[in-house]
C-alpha atoms as a PDB file:
ATOM      1  CA  MET A   1     -40.014  36.726 235.717  1.00  0.00           C
ATOM      2  CA  PRO A   2     -39.042  39.618 233.883  1.00  0.00           C
ATOM      3  CA  PRO A   3     -36.544  42.206 235.290  1.00  0.00           C
ATOM      4  CA  PHE A   4     -39.214  44.578 235.662  1.00  0.00           C
ATOM      5  CA  ALA A   5     -41.630  42.416 237.848  1.00  0.00           C
ATOM      6  CA  ARG A   6     -44.319  43.944 240.092  1.00  0.00           C
ATOM      7  CA  ASP A   7     -42.349  45.634 242.696  1.00  0.00           C
ATOM      8  CA  GLN A   8     -43.488  48.010 244.989  1.00  0.00           C
ATOM      9  CA  SER A   9     -39.997  49.610 245.203  1.00  0.00           C
ATOM     10  CA  SER A  10     -39.696  49.851 241.488  1.00  0.00           C
ATOM     11  CA  PRO A  11     -38.715  53.743 240.530  1.00  0.00           C
ATOM     12  CA  PHE A  12     -41.510  53.559 237.555  1.00  0.00           C
ATOM     13  CA  PRO A  13     -44.773  53.423 239.512  1.00  0.00           C
ATOM     14  CA  SER A  14     -47.577  51.466 237.740  1.00  0.00           C
ATOM     15  CA  LYS A  15     -50.353  53.403 235.887  1.00  0.00           C
ATOM     16  CA  LEU A  16     -52.527  50.553 235.056  1.00  0.00           C
ATOM     17  CA  ALA A  17     -54.577  50.315 238.426  1.00  0.00           C
ATOM     18  CA  ASP A  18     -57.730  51.517 236.822  1.00  0.00           C
ATOM     19  CA  ASP A  19     -57.750  49.098 233.721  1.00  0.00           C
ATOM     20  CA  PRO A  20     -54.488  47.134 233.408  1.00  0.00           C
ATOM     21  CA  GLY A  21     -55.621  45.307 230.201  1.00  0.00           C
ATOM     22  CA  ASP A  22     -56.176  48.623 228.410  1.00  0.00           C
ATOM     23  CA  GLY A  23     -53.364  50.499 230.121  1.00  0.00           C
ATOM     24  CA  LEU A  24     -51.082  47.942 229.016  1.00  0.00           C
ATOM     25  CA  ALA A  25     -52.178  47.598 225.165  1.00  0.00           C
ATOM     26  CA  ASP A  26     -51.724  51.773 225.156  1.00  0.00           C
ATOM     27  CA  ALA A  27     -48.452  51.380 226.821  1.00  0.00           C
ATOM     28  CA  LEU A  28     -47.261  48.957 224.215  1.00  0.00           C
ATOM     29  CA  ARG A  29     -48.255  51.038 221.322  1.00  0.00           C
ATOM     30  CA  SER A  30     -46.337  53.961 222.780  1.00  0.00           C
ATOM     31  CA  ALA A  31     -43.504  52.036 223.816  1.00  0.00           C
ATOM     32  CA  VAL A  32     -43.027  50.529 220.243  1.00  0.00           C
ATOM     33  CA  ARG A  33     -42.544  54.030 218.835  1.00  0.00           C
ATOM     34  CA  LEU A  34     -39.166  53.759 220.348  1.00  0.00           C
ATOM     35  CA  GLY A  35     -38.041  51.456 217.402  1.00  0.00           C
ATOM     36  CA  GLY A  36     -38.795  54.025 214.810  1.00  0.00           C
ATOM     37  CA  ASP A  37     -37.352  57.416 213.781  1.00  0.00           C
ATOM     38  CA  SER A  38     -36.134  60.012 216.146  1.00  0.00           C
ATOM     39  CA  LEU A  39     -38.915  61.564 218.543  1.00  0.00           C
ATOM     40  CA  ALA A  40     -39.842  64.725 220.208  1.00  0.00           C
ATOM     41  CA  ASP A  41     -38.295  64.662 223.567  1.00  0.00           C
ATOM     42  CA  ASP A  42     -42.085  64.518 225.144  1.00  0.00           C
ATOM     43  CA  VAL A  43     -42.767  61.847 223.011  1.00  0.00           C
ATOM     44  CA  ARG A  44     -39.868  59.964 223.725  1.00  0.00           C
ATOM     45  CA  ALA A  45     -39.783  60.318 227.569  1.00  0.00           C
ATOM     46  CA  HIS A  46     -43.480  59.018 227.157  1.00  0.00           C
ATOM     47  CA  ALA A  47     -42.500  56.162 225.000  1.00  0.00           C
ATOM     48  CA  LEU A  48     -39.770  55.284 227.663  1.00  0.00           C
ATOM     49  CA  ASP A  49     -42.065  55.395 230.465  1.00  0.00           C
ATOM     50  CA  ALA A  50     -44.504  53.148 228.640  1.00  0.00           C
ATOM     51  CA  ALA A  51     -41.687  50.744 227.561  1.00  0.00           C
ATOM     52  CA  ARG A  52     -40.747  50.162 231.145  1.00  0.00           C
ATOM     53  CA  THR A  53     -44.265  49.690 232.310  1.00  0.00           C
ATOM     54  CA  VAL A  54     -44.645  46.814 229.642  1.00  0.00           C
ATOM     55  CA  LEU A  55     -41.288  45.241 230.822  1.00  0.00           C
ATOM     56  CA  ARG A  56     -42.515  45.385 234.287  1.00  0.00           C
ATOM     57  CA  GLU A  57     -46.127  44.290 234.110  1.00  0.00           C
ATOM     58  CA  GLY A  58     -46.719  42.996 230.454  1.00  0.00           C
ATOM     59  CA  ASP A  59     -47.098  39.397 229.703  1.00  0.00           C
ATOM     60  CA  GLU A  60     -44.378  37.667 227.616  1.00  0.00           C
ATOM     61  CA  SER A  61     -46.261  38.446 224.040  1.00  0.00           C
ATOM     62  CA  GLY A  62     -46.213  42.070 224.955  1.00  0.00           C
ATOM     63  CA  ARG A  63     -42.570  41.871 225.926  1.00  0.00           C
ATOM     64  CA  ARG A  64     -41.831  40.150 223.241  1.00  0.00           C
ATOM     65  CA  ARG A  65     -43.590  42.640 220.758  1.00  0.00           C
ATOM     66  CA  LEU A  66     -41.826  45.222 222.300  1.00  0.00           C
ATOM     67  CA  CYS A  67     -38.203  43.380 221.957  1.00  0.00           C
ATOM     68  CA  ASP A  68     -39.218  43.217 218.001  1.00  0.00           C
ATOM     69  CA  ALA A  69     -39.729  47.126 217.548  1.00  0.00           C
ATOM     70  CA  VAL A  70     -36.433  47.741 219.663  1.00  0.00           C
ATOM     71  CA  ARG A  71     -33.836  45.249 219.084  1.00  0.00           C
ATOM     72  CA  THR A  72     -32.119  47.170 216.472  1.00  0.00           C
ATOM     73  CA  ALA A  73     -32.787  50.728 218.241  1.00  0.00           C
ATOM     74  CA  THR A  74     -29.558  52.689 218.458  1.00  0.00           C
ATOM     75  CA  ASP A  75     -30.474  54.672 221.488  1.00  0.00           C
ATOM     76  CA  LEU A  76     -32.122  53.201 224.715  1.00  0.00           C
ATOM     77  CA  PRO A  77     -31.484  53.684 228.302  1.00  0.00           C
ATOM     78  CA  GLN A  78     -29.221  50.840 229.642  1.00  0.00           C
ATOM     79  CA  ASP A  79     -31.795  49.675 232.321  1.00  0.00           C
ATOM     80  CA  ILE A  80     -34.365  48.798 229.316  1.00  0.00           C
ATOM     81  CA  VAL A  81     -31.275  47.266 227.380  1.00  0.00           C
ATOM     82  CA  LEU A  82     -30.606  45.038 230.255  1.00  0.00           C
ATOM     83  CA  ALA A  83     -33.731  44.102 231.234  1.00  0.00           C
ATOM     84  CA  LEU A  84     -34.659  42.920 227.435  1.00  0.00           C
ATOM     85  CA  ALA A  85     -31.419  40.996 227.480  1.00  0.00           C
ATOM     86  CA  ASN A  86     -32.448  39.349 230.671  1.00  0.00           C
ATOM     87  CA  ASP A  87     -35.585  38.357 229.976  1.00  0.00           C
ATOM     88  CA  GLN A  88     -37.072  34.757 229.247  1.00  0.00           C
ATOM     89  CA  PRO A  89     -35.651  33.270 226.181  1.00  0.00           C
ATOM     90  CA  SER A  90     -38.317  34.202 223.575  1.00  0.00           C
ATOM     91  CA  VAL A  91     -37.824  37.942 224.439  1.00  0.00           C
ATOM     92  CA  ALA A  92     -34.067  37.924 225.043  1.00  0.00           C
ATOM     93  CA  LEU A  93     -32.695  35.998 222.634  1.00  0.00           C
ATOM     94  CA  PRO A  94     -33.819  38.180 219.434  1.00  0.00           C
ATOM     95  CA  PHE A  95     -32.424  41.098 221.584  1.00  0.00           C
ATOM     96  CA  ILE A  96     -28.937  39.513 222.170  1.00  0.00           C
ATOM     97  CA  ALA A  97     -28.654  38.584 218.458  1.00  0.00           C
ATOM     98  CA  HIS A  98     -29.426  42.079 217.181  1.00  0.00           C
ATOM     99  CA  SER A  99     -28.885  44.706 219.573  1.00  0.00           C
ATOM    100  CA  PRO A 100     -25.950  47.297 219.025  1.00  0.00           C
ATOM    101  CA  LEU A 101     -26.526  48.523 222.498  1.00  0.00           C
ATOM    102  CA  LEU A 102     -24.927  45.549 224.280  1.00  0.00           C
ATOM    103  CA  GLY A 103     -21.335  46.405 224.878  1.00  0.00           C
ATOM    104  CA  GLU A 104     -18.445  44.091 225.455  1.00  0.00           C
ATOM    105  CA  ALA A 105     -18.995  44.095 229.013  1.00  0.00           C
ATOM    106  CA  ASP A 106     -22.686  43.299 228.663  1.00  0.00           C
ATOM    107  CA  LEU A 107     -21.878  40.418 226.229  1.00  0.00           C
ATOM    108  CA  VAL A 108     -19.330  39.106 228.657  1.00  0.00           C
ATOM    109  CA  LYS A 109     -21.588  38.880 231.375  1.00  0.00           C
ATOM    110  CA  ILE A 110     -24.184  36.761 229.334  1.00  0.00           C
ATOM    111  CA  VAL A 111     -21.602  34.462 228.629  1.00  0.00           C
ATOM    112  CA  TRP A 112     -20.738  33.971 232.080  1.00  0.00           C
ATOM    113  CA  SER A 113     -24.516  33.472 232.989  1.00  0.00           C
ATOM    114  CA  GLY A 114     -23.666  29.863 231.729  1.00  0.00           C
ATOM    115  CA  ASP A 115     -26.994  29.735 229.613  1.00  0.00           C
ATOM    116  CA  PRO A 116     -26.004  27.702 226.535  1.00  0.00           C
ATOM    117  CA  ALA A 117     -29.265  29.117 224.661  1.00  0.00           C
ATOM    118  CA  ARG A 118     -27.895  32.803 224.968  1.00  0.00           C
ATOM    119  CA  GLN A 119     -24.222  31.745 224.695  1.00  0.00           C
ATOM    120  CA  VAL A 120     -25.067  30.167 221.296  1.00  0.00           C
ATOM    121  CA  THR A 121     -26.986  33.164 220.259  1.00  0.00           C
ATOM    122  CA  LEU A 122     -24.553  35.492 221.043  1.00  0.00           C
ATOM    123  CA  ALA A 123     -21.846  33.496 219.442  1.00  0.00           C
ATOM    124  CA  ALA A 124     -23.658  34.011 215.940  1.00  0.00           C
ATOM    125  CA  ARG A 125     -23.606  38.115 216.516  1.00  0.00           C
ATOM    126  CA  PRO A 126     -21.285  39.586 213.828  1.00  0.00           C
ATOM    127  CA  GLY A 127     -18.077  41.465 214.689  1.00  0.00           C
ATOM    128  CA  LEU A 128     -17.615  39.704 218.297  1.00  0.00           C
ATOM    129  CA  THR A 129     -14.436  41.236 220.069  1.00  0.00           C
ATOM    130  CA  ALA A 130     -11.462  38.698 221.254  1.00  0.00           C
ATOM    131  CA  ALA A 131     -12.269  39.371 224.950  1.00  0.00           C
ATOM    132  CA  VAL A 132     -15.976  37.887 224.070  1.00  0.00           C
ATOM    133  CA  THR A 133     -14.964  35.179 222.466  1.00  0.00           C
ATOM    134  CA  SER A 134     -12.138  34.564 224.678  1.00  0.00           C
ATOM    135  CA  ALA A 135     -14.826  34.134 227.557  1.00  0.00           C
ATOM    136  CA  LEU A 136     -17.183  31.824 225.122  1.00  0.00           C
ATOM    137  CA  VAL A 137     -14.040  29.301 224.344  1.00  0.00           C
ATOM    138  CA  GLU A 138     -13.081  29.255 228.218  1.00  0.00           C
ATOM    139  CA  LEU A 139     -16.766  28.589 229.351  1.00  0.00           C
ATOM    140  CA  ALA A 140     -19.064  27.541 226.598  1.00  0.00           C
ATOM    141  CA  PRO A 141     -19.968  24.284 225.721  1.00  0.00           C
ATOM    142  CA  GLN A 142     -19.145  22.376 222.127  1.00  0.00           C
ATOM    143  CA  ARG A 143     -22.258  23.587 220.702  1.00  0.00           C
ATOM    144  CA  VAL A 144     -21.955  27.115 221.522  1.00  0.00           C
ATOM    145  CA  LEU A 145     -18.031  26.719 220.034  1.00  0.00           C
ATOM    146  CA  LEU A 146     -19.443  25.334 216.919  1.00  0.00           C
ATOM    147  CA  SER A 147     -21.396  28.487 216.328  1.00  0.00           C
ATOM    148  CA  LEU A 148     -18.576  30.708 216.884  1.00  0.00           C
ATOM    149  CA  LEU A 149     -16.392  29.089 214.800  1.00  0.00           C
ATOM    150  CA  ALA A 150     -18.639  29.351 211.920  1.00  0.00           C
ATOM    151  CA  ASN A 151     -19.073  33.119 212.652  1.00  0.00           C
ATOM    152  CA  ASP A 152     -16.061  34.227 210.349  1.00  0.00           C
ATOM    153  CA  SER A 153     -16.256  38.204 211.129  1.00  0.00           C
ATOM    154  CA  ALA A 154     -15.723  36.919 214.986  1.00  0.00           C
ATOM    155  CA  ALA A 155     -11.968  37.953 216.352  1.00  0.00           C
ATOM    156  CA  ILE A 156     -10.747  34.767 217.658  1.00  0.00           C
ATOM    157  CA  SER A 157      -7.268  35.207 219.128  1.00  0.00           C
ATOM    158  CA  GLU A 158      -4.516  32.687 218.165  1.00  0.00           C
ATOM    159  CA  GLU A 159      -4.374  31.780 222.013  1.00  0.00           C
ATOM    160  CA  SER A 160      -8.157  31.279 222.069  1.00  0.00           C
ATOM    161  CA  LEU A 161      -8.174  28.837 219.329  1.00  0.00           C
ATOM    162  CA  HIS A 162      -5.292  26.975 220.744  1.00  0.00           C
ATOM    163  CA  SER A 163      -7.666  26.781 223.880  1.00  0.00           C
ATOM    164  CA  CYS A 164     -10.598  25.578 221.885  1.00  0.00           C
ATOM    165  CA  LEU A 165      -8.431  22.688 220.540  1.00  0.00           C
ATOM    166  CA  ALA A 166      -7.059  21.885 223.754  1.00  0.00           C
ATOM    167  CA  ARG A 167     -10.883  21.765 225.175  1.00  0.00           C
ATOM    168  CA  PHE A 168     -11.980  19.432 222.303  1.00  0.00           C
ATOM    169  CA  PRO A 169      -8.612  17.941 220.965  1.00  0.00           C
ATOM    170  CA  GLU A 170     -10.771  14.626 219.140  1.00  0.00           C
ATOM    171  CA  ASP A 171     -13.839  16.582 218.252  1.00  0.00           C
ATOM    172  CA  ASN A 172     -14.466  16.307 214.338  1.00  0.00           C
ATOM    173  CA  GLY A 173     -17.178  19.004 214.523  1.00  0.00           C
ATOM    174  CA  ILE A 174     -14.549  21.785 216.194  1.00  0.00           C
ATOM    175  CA  GLN A 175     -11.477  20.673 213.833  1.00  0.00           C
ATOM    176  CA  GLN A 176     -13.935  21.041 211.074  1.00  0.00           C
ATOM    177  CA  GLY A 177     -15.268  24.292 212.205  1.00  0.00           C
ATOM    178  CA  MET A 178     -11.576  25.721 212.519  1.00  0.00           C
ATOM    179  CA  ILE A 179     -10.497  24.119 209.280  1.00  0.00           C
ATOM    180  CA  ASP A 180     -13.517  26.256 207.341  1.00  0.00           C
ATOM    181  CA  ARG A 181     -12.443  29.585 209.119  1.00  0.00           C
ATOM    182  CA  SER A 182     -11.005  31.852 206.164  1.00  0.00           C
ATOM    183  CA  HIS A 183      -7.867  32.192 208.131  1.00  0.00           C
ATOM    184  CA  LEU A 184      -6.276  29.801 211.105  1.00  0.00           C
ATOM    185  CA  PRO A 185      -2.775  31.144 212.343  1.00  0.00           C
ATOM    186  CA  PRO A 186       0.037  28.732 211.224  1.00  0.00           C
ATOM    187  CA  SER A 187       0.868  27.583 214.864  1.00  0.00           C
ATOM    188  CA  VAL A 188      -2.819  26.763 214.969  1.00  0.00           C
ATOM    189  CA  ALA A 189      -2.991  24.863 211.920  1.00  0.00           C
ATOM    190  CA  GLU A 190       0.024  22.874 212.613  1.00  0.00           C
ATOM    191  CA  ALA A 191      -1.124  21.721 215.754  1.00  0.00           C
ATOM    192  CA  LEU A 192      -4.836  21.057 214.500  1.00  0.00           C
ATOM    193  CA  LEU A 193      -2.772  18.986 211.614  1.00  0.00           C
ATOM    194  CA  LEU A 194      -1.474  16.506 214.516  1.00  0.00           C
ATOM    195  CA  HIS A 195      -4.945  16.107 215.902  1.00  0.00           C
ATOM    196  CA  CYS A 196      -7.255  15.309 213.102  1.00  0.00           C
ATOM    197  CA  MET A 197      -7.432  12.293 210.612  1.00  0.00           C
ATOM    198  CA  GLN A 198      -6.533  12.149 206.770  1.00  0.00           C
ATOM    199  CA  PRO A 199      -9.831  13.174 205.306  1.00  0.00           C
ATOM    200  CA  LEU A 200      -9.548  16.532 207.657  1.00  0.00           C
ATOM    201  CA  GLN A 201      -6.095  16.697 207.116  1.00  0.00           C
ATOM    202  CA  GLU A 202      -6.487  16.880 203.362  1.00  0.00           C
ATOM    203  CA  ALA A 203      -9.028  19.631 204.067  1.00  0.00           C
ATOM    204  CA  LEU A 204      -6.858  21.513 206.114  1.00  0.00           C
ATOM    205  CA  LEU A 205      -3.765  21.487 203.774  1.00  0.00           C
ATOM    206  CA  ALA A 206      -5.865  22.548 200.867  1.00  0.00           C
ATOM    207  CA  ARG A 207      -7.304  25.612 202.964  1.00  0.00           C
ATOM    208  CA  HIS A 208      -4.147  26.875 205.244  1.00  0.00           C
ATOM    209  CA  ARG A 209      -0.623  26.770 205.322  1.00  0.00           C
ATOM    210  CA  VAL A 210       1.569  24.628 207.517  1.00  0.00           C
ATOM    211  CA  SER A 211       5.444  23.641 207.422  1.00  0.00           C
ATOM    212  CA  PRO A 212       6.748  20.808 205.365  1.00  0.00           C
ATOM    213  CA  ALA A 213       8.160  19.398 208.986  1.00  0.00           C
ATOM    214  CA  SER A 214       4.470  19.513 210.501  1.00  0.00           C
ATOM    215  CA  ALA A 215       3.298  17.785 207.378  1.00  0.00           C
ATOM    216  CA  GLN A 216       5.862  15.026 207.948  1.00  0.00           C
ATOM    217  CA  GLU A 217       5.463  14.467 211.301  1.00  0.00           C
ATOM    218  CA  ALA A 218       1.471  14.349 210.983  1.00  0.00           C
ATOM    219  CA  ARG A 219       2.240  11.614 208.319  1.00  0.00           C
ATOM    220  CA  ARG A 220       4.424   9.787 210.836  1.00  0.00           C
ATOM    221  CA  ARG A 221       1.722   9.768 213.299  1.00  0.00           C
ATOM    222  CA  GLN A 222      -1.090   8.645 211.184  1.00  0.00           C
ATOM    223  CA  GLY A 223       0.901   6.527 209.000  1.00  0.00           C
ATOM    224  CA  SER A 224      -0.946   7.683 205.834  1.00  0.00           C
ATOM    225  CA  GLY A 225      -0.119   6.897 202.295  1.00  0.00           C
ATOM    226  CA  ALA A 226       3.471   8.675 200.987  1.00  0.00           C
ATOM    227  CA  SER A 227       2.263   9.512 197.750  1.00  0.00           C
ATOM    228  CA  TRP A 228      -0.702  11.675 198.730  1.00  0.00           C
ATOM    229  CA  TRP A 229       1.716  13.510 201.432  1.00  0.00           C
ATOM    230  CA  ARG A 230       4.216  14.061 198.802  1.00  0.00           C
ATOM    231  CA  ARG A 231       1.982  15.792 196.583  1.00  0.00           C
ATOM    232  CA  GLN A 232       1.082  18.109 199.576  1.00  0.00           C
ATOM    233  CA  LEU A 233       4.470  18.929 200.679  1.00  0.00           C
ATOM    234  CA  PHE A 234       5.842  19.657 197.015  1.00  0.00           C
ATOM    235  CA  SER A 235       2.860  21.288 195.576  1.00  0.00           C
ATOM    236  CA  ARG A 236       3.610  24.319 197.263  1.00  0.00           C
END
């Protein structure tokens, strides 16, 4: 059920009593104008009222069309933003993926919701802050963290990368996702080197710097061929 469900206590009374079908169509046509250029104050007020009507009384298709129109809007009231972000997946996920109006606190609350579909969509958003990625690393399942690691624009702290590795120390997908990032702090690369097997070790050493001592310790643990490790140690 959408956040603006039919509730007699709603601050936005329905205007659709006479002809709900036509009224909703008119409301939707007015509401989608919010996704366009700047509007005159009276037109904007009418469009906002119409958007609330669609969110409260519209079907999933209508709410999805509203989302498509406003998901990149840069100026919407918070009640409408949160209603779209908390709607059914077909409405909410495109909004979560694209809306610039979802702040850090809003995104952390989406992580806390525990919904993997919302989390994995959020994890791919560009420019995630360290606070949001920290919440994902702490709470989200493996498939969400794979999406997060693939998002090279996400700010993931050194501490969070260590936590990610601690949660999934033997997971090849997590290891590969970490290796594929454009930058790993040396402490993370060295910890990762001691967990992964030789093919991933080779990829890690080709992409990220580790100390010779860490490389030697990984060789000792893995029992890898000395010639390959000698090349890695002395080619830098």
